[in-house]
Amino acid sequence: MRNEFIETGKIVGTHGVRGEMRVEPWCDTPADLTKYKALYLDNKGENKLKIKASRVHKNIVLITVDGVTTIEEGEKYRGKKIYIARKDLKLKKGDYLIVDLIGCEVFDADTKEKYGEITDVSRTGANDVWHIKRDDKEYLIPAIPSVVEDVDVEKCTVTITPLKGIFDDED
């Protein structure tokens, strides 16, 4: 089951004396986090932070939260993870979240053979690398268009055409 609230960053400190908080974003870009008017302190949506203002500062996001007006009030949030509501996400067609890939079963596009399931995703800069566990062995698959044929996060399946030699001993 997909989580309705997605972990998206961590409050790492304060900025200035008026309670503005520094957030380490876990998004594609820090600017992605500035689009939201509400963030949450739990994965159930029970502890809502109403965002009054947000802006990118270097590689972090600075947020001003309703009701937090001093450095001391802001410090109380240091170390807290923040979440966004899935319903607030605006994903383009064909885009998906890494958290939704974890646990997806991976199949061969031609033979329909099951290769295993995605257990992790590494961000390398050039492209993501999917970690696929099969039995007691882990395989690393580049998430590039020539390999990834289809991703269906609703059905939790991925179809690939693996590079030669990844799942066998071919040259």
Protein backbone atom coordinates (compact mmCIF):
# COMPACT_ATOMS: atom_id res chain seq x y z
CA MET A 1 0.00 0.00 0.00
CA ARG A 2 1.32 3.42 -0.95
CA ASN A 3 1.88 5.94 1.81
CA GLU A 4 -0.37 8.98 1.69
CA PHE A 5 2.37 11.11 3.26
CA ILE A 6 5.84 11.04 1.76
CA GLU A 7 9.07 11.79 3.60
CA THR A 8 10.63 14.72 1.80
CA GLY A 9 13.23 16.38 3.99
CA LYS A 10 14.53 17.24 7.40
CA ILE A 11 14.62 20.44 9.44
CA VAL A 12 18.30 20.97 10.16
CA GLY A 13 18.29 24.29 12.00
CA THR A 14 17.13 27.87 12.10
CA HIS A 15 17.97 30.93 10.03
CA GLY A 16 17.91 34.35 11.63
CA VAL A 17 16.08 35.26 14.82
CA ARG A 18 12.44 35.24 13.65
CA GLY A 19 11.89 31.47 13.62
CA GLU A 20 12.68 30.78 9.97
CA MET A 21 13.81 27.16 9.62
CA ARG A 22 16.41 25.52 7.40
CA VAL A 23 15.20 22.38 5.61
CA GLU A 24 17.40 19.83 3.88
CA PRO A 25 15.20 18.82 0.93
CA TRP A 26 15.03 15.23 -0.29
CA CYS A 27 13.53 16.18 -3.66
CA ASP A 28 14.92 16.40 -7.17
CA THR A 29 15.62 20.10 -6.56
CA PRO A 30 15.23 22.37 -3.51
CA ALA A 31 12.74 24.49 -5.49
CA ASP A 32 10.35 21.51 -5.61
CA LEU A 33 9.78 21.85 -1.87
CA THR A 34 8.78 25.52 -2.13
CA LYS A 35 5.55 24.63 -3.97
CA TYR A 36 3.71 23.40 -0.88
CA LYS A 37 1.54 25.40 1.52
CA ALA A 38 1.48 22.62 4.11
CA LEU A 39 4.09 20.19 5.40
CA TYR A 40 3.66 17.51 8.03
CA LEU A 41 5.79 16.21 10.90
CA ASP A 42 4.52 12.64 10.66
CA ASN A 43 3.51 10.10 8.04
CA LYS A 44 -0.14 10.21 9.07
CA GLY A 45 -0.77 13.91 8.43
CA GLU A 46 -1.67 14.64 12.05
CA ASN A 47 1.00 17.29 12.76
CA LYS A 48 0.53 19.92 10.07
CA LEU A 49 2.79 22.91 9.54
CA LYS A 50 1.12 25.76 7.67
CA ILE A 51 3.78 27.36 5.48
CA LYS A 52 3.65 31.16 5.36
CA ALA A 53 6.69 31.52 3.11
CA SER A 54 9.46 29.40 1.61
CA ARG A 55 12.50 30.08 -0.51
CA VAL A 56 15.62 28.38 -1.78
CA HIS A 57 18.91 29.41 -0.16
CA LYS A 58 21.94 27.65 -1.68
CA ASN A 59 21.13 23.91 -1.40
CA ILE A 60 18.48 24.21 1.34
CA VAL A 61 14.98 25.59 1.70
CA LEU A 62 14.12 28.26 4.23
CA ILE A 63 10.57 28.05 5.56
CA THR A 64 8.47 30.33 7.70
CA VAL A 65 5.77 28.47 9.60
CA ASP A 66 2.57 29.92 11.02
CA GLY A 67 2.97 30.34 14.78
CA VAL A 68 6.77 30.14 14.86
CA THR A 69 8.21 33.63 15.34
CA THR A 70 11.37 33.19 17.42
CA ILE A 71 14.61 31.29 17.09
CA GLU A 72 13.73 29.32 20.24
CA GLU A 73 10.40 28.16 18.77
CA GLY A 74 12.14 27.21 15.52
CA GLU A 75 14.84 25.24 17.35
CA LYS A 76 12.18 22.89 18.74
CA TYR A 77 11.78 21.49 15.21
CA ARG A 78 15.48 20.76 14.62
CA GLY A 79 16.02 17.15 13.54
CA LYS A 80 12.36 16.55 12.61
CA LYS A 81 11.59 14.85 9.31
CA ILE A 82 9.00 16.52 7.14
CA TYR A 83 6.39 14.97 4.88
CA ILE A 84 4.16 16.10 2.03
CA ALA A 85 0.69 14.83 1.26
CA ARG A 86 0.55 12.60 -1.82
CA LYS A 87 -2.66 14.36 -2.88
CA ASP A 88 -0.65 17.61 -3.16
CA LEU A 89 1.88 16.10 -5.59
CA LYS A 90 1.74 17.19 -9.19
CA LEU A 91 3.60 14.47 -11.09
CA LYS A 92 3.91 14.56 -14.86
CA LYS A 93 2.72 11.56 -16.82
CA GLY A 94 5.41 8.89 -16.64
CA ASP A 95 6.99 10.31 -13.49
CA TYR A 96 6.97 8.37 -10.23
CA LEU A 97 8.45 8.52 -6.77
CA ILE A 98 11.42 6.42 -5.70
CA VAL A 99 9.47 5.29 -2.64
CA ASP A 100 6.85 3.81 -5.00
CA LEU A 101 9.49 1.77 -6.87
CA ILE A 102 10.72 -0.01 -3.75
CA GLY A 103 9.12 -3.45 -3.66
CA CYS A 104 8.11 -3.47 -7.35
CA GLU A 105 8.62 -6.79 -9.10
CA VAL A 106 10.90 -6.66 -12.13
CA PHE A 107 10.18 -8.70 -15.28
CA ASP A 108 11.90 -9.27 -18.62
CA ALA A 109 10.11 -7.46 -21.46
CA ASP A 110 10.54 -10.40 -23.87
CA THR A 111 10.50 -13.61 -21.82
CA LYS A 112 8.36 -12.31 -18.88
CA GLU A 113 10.91 -13.95 -16.54
CA LYS A 114 10.84 -12.46 -13.05
CA TYR A 115 14.23 -11.00 -12.13
CA GLY A 116 13.39 -10.03 -8.56
CA GLU A 117 12.24 -6.89 -6.83
CA ILE A 118 13.59 -3.39 -6.44
CA THR A 119 15.06 -2.95 -2.96
CA ASP A 120 16.82 0.40 -3.32
CA VAL A 121 17.58 3.22 -5.75
CA SER A 122 20.94 4.99 -5.97
CA ARG A 123 21.13 8.50 -7.38
CA THR A 124 24.34 8.72 -9.41
CA GLY A 125 23.86 12.04 -11.18
CA ALA A 126 23.83 10.68 -14.72
CA ASN A 127 20.95 8.28 -14.07
CA ASP A 128 19.41 6.36 -11.21
CA VAL A 129 20.57 2.81 -10.55
CA TRP A 130 18.00 0.29 -9.35
CA HIS A 131 19.05 -2.42 -6.90
CA ILE A 132 17.23 -5.64 -7.75
CA LYS A 133 17.32 -8.52 -5.30
CA ARG A 134 16.94 -12.04 -6.66
CA ASP A 135 17.36 -14.88 -4.20
CA ASP A 136 20.42 -13.85 -2.18
CA LYS A 137 22.07 -11.80 -4.92
CA GLU A 138 21.77 -8.12 -5.79
CA TYR A 139 21.90 -6.79 -9.34
CA LEU A 140 22.39 -3.16 -10.34
CA ILE A 141 20.32 -1.95 -13.27
CA PRO A 142 20.72 1.51 -14.85
CA ALA A 143 17.35 3.27 -15.05
CA ILE A 144 17.79 4.44 -18.64
CA PRO A 145 15.31 4.41 -21.54
CA SER A 146 17.10 1.59 -23.39
CA VAL A 147 16.68 -0.68 -20.33
CA VAL A 148 13.40 0.38 -18.69
CA GLU A 149 10.43 -0.52 -20.88
CA ASP A 150 7.52 0.12 -18.49
CA VAL A 151 6.90 1.20 -14.91
CA ASP A 152 3.47 0.58 -13.39
CA VAL A 153 3.54 1.72 -9.77
CA GLU A 154 -0.19 0.95 -9.39
CA LYS A 155 0.44 -2.74 -10.14
CA CYS A 156 3.91 -2.56 -8.54
CA THR A 157 5.61 -3.98 -11.64
CA VAL A 158 8.52 -2.92 -13.82
CA THR A 159 9.41 -4.36 -17.22
CA ILE A 160 13.00 -4.15 -18.47
CA THR A 161 15.27 -5.23 -21.27
CA PRO A 162 18.46 -5.85 -19.27
CA LEU A 163 21.90 -5.09 -20.62
CA LYS A 164 23.71 -8.18 -21.84
CA GLY A 165 25.43 -10.12 -19.06
CA ILE A 166 23.69 -8.60 -16.04
CA PHE A 167 21.55 -11.62 -15.15
CA ASP A 168 23.67 -14.26 -16.85
CA ASP A 169 27.31 -14.96 -17.65
CA GLU A 170 27.22 -13.84 -21.29
CA ASP A 171 30.07 -11.74 -22.68
